[in-house]
Amino acid sequence: MLNSGDIWILVPLFALSIPIVAILISHQQKMAAIIHGNVPGKNNEALANEVQSLRSEVEQLKSVVGYQSAQLERLNYANQSLTTPPVQAPTISERLQC
C-alpha cells in the first residue's frame, strides 16, 4: 500500500492543504456574514439614518411639487377667466367669399 517513499510525497501535500482549508473556512465565514446581514465594516445605523434623511427629502420635494402644481392651476384658472372666449377661425367657405 504505502511505501516509505510515498510518505515523503504525502507530507508536502498535507502541508499545502492546511492554508487551502484555512482560506476556504475564511471564505465560508464571510459568505455567512453577508447572507445574514452582519457585514463587518458596514455601519447599519449610519445607513438607516441616511435612508431616513433621503425619505424626508423626498417627502419635502413631494410637498413642494404639490404646492407649485396647485399654484399653476390657480394661475391657469385666473388667466382663463380674464381672457375673452377664443375666436373661431373662419371656415373655408368664409375665406373664399372675401
C-alpha atoms as a PDB file:
ATOM      1  CA  MET A   1       0.000   0.000   0.000  1.00  0.00           C
ATOM      2  CA  LEU A   2       2.177   2.855   1.206  1.00  0.00           C
ATOM      3  CA  ASN A   3       5.883   2.555   0.752  1.00  0.00           C
ATOM      4  CA  SER A   4       8.382   4.613   2.688  1.00  0.00           C
ATOM      5  CA  GLY A   5       8.934   6.739  -0.440  1.00  0.00           C
ATOM      6  CA  ASP A   6       5.237   7.553  -0.691  1.00  0.00           C
ATOM      7  CA  ILE A   7       5.213   9.198   2.744  1.00  0.00           C
ATOM      8  CA  TRP A   8       7.523  11.965   1.512  1.00  0.00           C
ATOM      9  CA  ILE A   9       5.040  12.809  -1.191  1.00  0.00           C
ATOM     10  CA  LEU A  10       2.139  12.994   1.268  1.00  0.00           C
ATOM     11  CA  VAL A  11       3.910  15.301   3.751  1.00  0.00           C
ATOM     12  CA  PRO A  12       4.202  18.289   1.368  1.00  0.00           C
ATOM     13  CA  LEU A  13       0.647  17.701   0.121  1.00  0.00           C
ATOM     14  CA  PHE A  14      -0.628  17.750   3.698  1.00  0.00           C
ATOM     15  CA  ALA A  15       1.411  20.865   4.473  1.00  0.00           C
ATOM     16  CA  LEU A  16      -0.025  22.659   1.433  1.00  0.00           C
ATOM     17  CA  SER A  17      -3.591  21.635   2.223  1.00  0.00           C
ATOM     18  CA  ILE A  18      -3.587  23.477   5.592  1.00  0.00           C
ATOM     19  CA  PRO A  19      -3.579  27.009   4.095  1.00  0.00           C
ATOM     20  CA  ILE A  20      -6.137  25.973   1.486  1.00  0.00           C
ATOM     21  CA  VAL A  21      -8.510  24.770   4.204  1.00  0.00           C
ATOM     22  CA  ALA A  22      -7.941  27.997   6.178  1.00  0.00           C
ATOM     23  CA  ILE A  23      -8.787  30.094   3.100  1.00  0.00           C
ATOM     24  CA  LEU A  24     -11.951  28.075   2.459  1.00  0.00           C
ATOM     25  CA  ILE A  25     -13.098  28.441   6.072  1.00  0.00           C
ATOM     26  CA  SER A  26     -12.482  32.185   5.975  1.00  0.00           C
ATOM     27  CA  HIS A  27     -14.451  32.437   2.757  1.00  0.00           C
ATOM     28  CA  GLN A  28     -17.369  30.491   4.217  1.00  0.00           C
ATOM     29  CA  GLN A  29     -17.434  32.774   7.269  1.00  0.00           C
ATOM     30  CA  LYS A  30     -17.525  35.878   5.071  1.00  0.00           C
ATOM     31  CA  MET A  31     -20.323  34.448   2.932  1.00  0.00           C
ATOM     32  CA  ALA A  32     -22.349  33.537   6.037  1.00  0.00           C
ATOM     33  CA  ALA A  33     -21.917  37.094   7.355  1.00  0.00           C
ATOM     34  CA  ILE A  34     -23.126  38.534   4.049  1.00  0.00           C
ATOM     35  CA  ILE A  35     -26.131  36.199   3.921  1.00  0.00           C
ATOM     36  CA  HIS A  36     -27.160  37.009   7.490  1.00  0.00           C
ATOM     37  CA  GLY A  37     -26.663  40.730   7.028  1.00  0.00           C
ATOM     38  CA  ASN A  38     -23.900  41.384   9.526  1.00  0.00           C
ATOM     39  CA  VAL A  39     -21.183  42.514   7.180  1.00  0.00           C
ATOM     40  CA  PRO A  40     -18.198  43.726   9.130  1.00  0.00           C
ATOM     41  CA  GLY A  41     -17.149  47.254   8.294  1.00  0.00           C
ATOM     42  CA  LYS A  42     -20.652  48.451   7.462  1.00  0.00           C
ATOM     43  CA  ASN A  43     -22.425  50.606   9.966  1.00  0.00           C
ATOM     44  CA  ASN A  44     -26.098  49.672   9.699  1.00  0.00           C
ATOM     45  CA  GLU A  45     -27.148  52.589  11.880  1.00  0.00           C
ATOM     46  CA  ALA A  46     -25.459  55.093   9.579  1.00  0.00           C
ATOM     47  CA  LEU A  47     -27.185  53.511   6.573  1.00  0.00           C
ATOM     48  CA  ALA A  48     -30.551  53.668   8.336  1.00  0.00           C
ATOM     49  CA  ASN A  49     -30.010  57.356   9.144  1.00  0.00           C
ATOM     50  CA  GLU A  50     -29.072  58.101   5.560  1.00  0.00           C
ATOM     51  CA  VAL A  51     -32.149  56.293   4.238  1.00  0.00           C
ATOM     52  CA  GLN A  52     -34.342  58.208   6.679  1.00  0.00           C
ATOM     53  CA  SER A  53     -32.873  61.547   5.609  1.00  0.00           C
ATOM     54  CA  LEU A  54     -33.403  60.658   1.947  1.00  0.00           C
ATOM     55  CA  ARG A  55     -37.010  59.752   2.670  1.00  0.00           C
ATOM     56  CA  SER A  56     -37.602  63.074   4.400  1.00  0.00           C
ATOM     57  CA  GLU A  57     -36.066  64.928   1.437  1.00  0.00           C
ATOM     58  CA  VAL A  58     -38.374  63.067  -0.947  1.00  0.00           C
ATOM     59  CA  GLU A  59     -41.382  63.999   1.192  1.00  0.00           C
ATOM     60  CA  GLN A  60     -40.307  67.661   1.147  1.00  0.00           C
ATOM     61  CA  LEU A  61     -39.921  67.556  -2.624  1.00  0.00           C
ATOM     62  CA  LYS A  62     -43.374  65.997  -2.971  1.00  0.00           C
ATOM     63  CA  SER A  63     -44.933  68.768  -0.901  1.00  0.00           C
ATOM     64  CA  VAL A  64     -43.109  71.498  -2.868  1.00  0.00           C
ATOM     65  CA  VAL A  65     -44.175  69.982  -6.195  1.00  0.00           C
ATOM     66  CA  GLY A  66     -47.762  69.680  -4.954  1.00  0.00           C
ATOM     67  CA  TYR A  67     -47.769  73.309  -3.820  1.00  0.00           C
ATOM     68  CA  GLN A  68     -46.317  74.529  -7.113  1.00  0.00           C
ATOM     69  CA  SER A  69     -48.810  72.434  -9.066  1.00  0.00           C
ATOM     70  CA  ALA A  70     -51.683  73.991  -7.125  1.00  0.00           C
ATOM     71  CA  GLN A  71     -50.284  77.473  -7.776  1.00  0.00           C
ATOM     72  CA  LEU A  72     -50.018  76.752 -11.507  1.00  0.00           C
ATOM     73  CA  GLU A  73     -53.623  75.543 -11.561  1.00  0.00           C
ATOM     74  CA  ARG A  74     -54.756  78.749  -9.832  1.00  0.00           C
ATOM     75  CA  LEU A  75     -52.812  80.885 -12.324  1.00  0.00           C
ATOM     76  CA  ASN A  76     -54.239  78.928 -15.232  1.00  0.00           C
ATOM     77  CA  TYR A  77     -57.770  79.354 -13.914  1.00  0.00           C
ATOM     78  CA  ALA A  78     -57.203  83.077 -13.333  1.00  0.00           C
ATOM     79  CA  ASN A  79     -55.844  83.529 -16.868  1.00  0.00           C
ATOM     80  CA  GLN A  80     -58.800  81.692 -18.381  1.00  0.00           C
ATOM     81  CA  SER A  81     -61.314  83.843 -16.550  1.00  0.00           C
ATOM     82  CA  LEU A  82     -59.568  87.097 -17.628  1.00  0.00           C
ATOM     83  CA  THR A  83     -59.310  86.318 -21.314  1.00  0.00           C
ATOM     84  CA  THR A  84     -62.128  86.625 -23.775  1.00  0.00           C
ATOM     85  CA  PRO A  85     -63.533  83.500 -25.338  1.00  0.00           C
ATOM     86  CA  PRO A  86     -61.388  82.268 -28.192  1.00  0.00           C
ATOM     87  CA  VAL A  87     -62.257  83.498 -31.650  1.00  0.00           C
ATOM     88  CA  GLN A  88     -63.150  80.728 -34.009  1.00  0.00           C
ATOM     89  CA  ALA A  89     -61.228  80.573 -37.229  1.00  0.00           C
ATOM     90  CA  PRO A  90     -63.251  81.237 -40.349  1.00  0.00           C
ATOM     91  CA  THR A  91     -64.343  78.268 -42.346  1.00  0.00           C
ATOM     92  CA  ILE A  92     -63.093  77.607 -45.863  1.00  0.00           C
ATOM     93  CA  SER A  93     -66.257  78.990 -47.462  1.00  0.00           C
ATOM     94  CA  GLU A  94     -65.959  82.204 -45.429  1.00  0.00           C
ATOM     95  CA  ARG A  95     -62.362  82.607 -46.577  1.00  0.00           C
ATOM     96  CA  LEU A  96     -63.300  82.132 -50.195  1.00  0.00           C
ATOM     97  CA  GLN A  97     -66.009  84.811 -50.032  1.00  0.00           C
ATOM     98  CA  CYS A  98     -63.543  87.528 -49.099  1.00  0.00           C
END
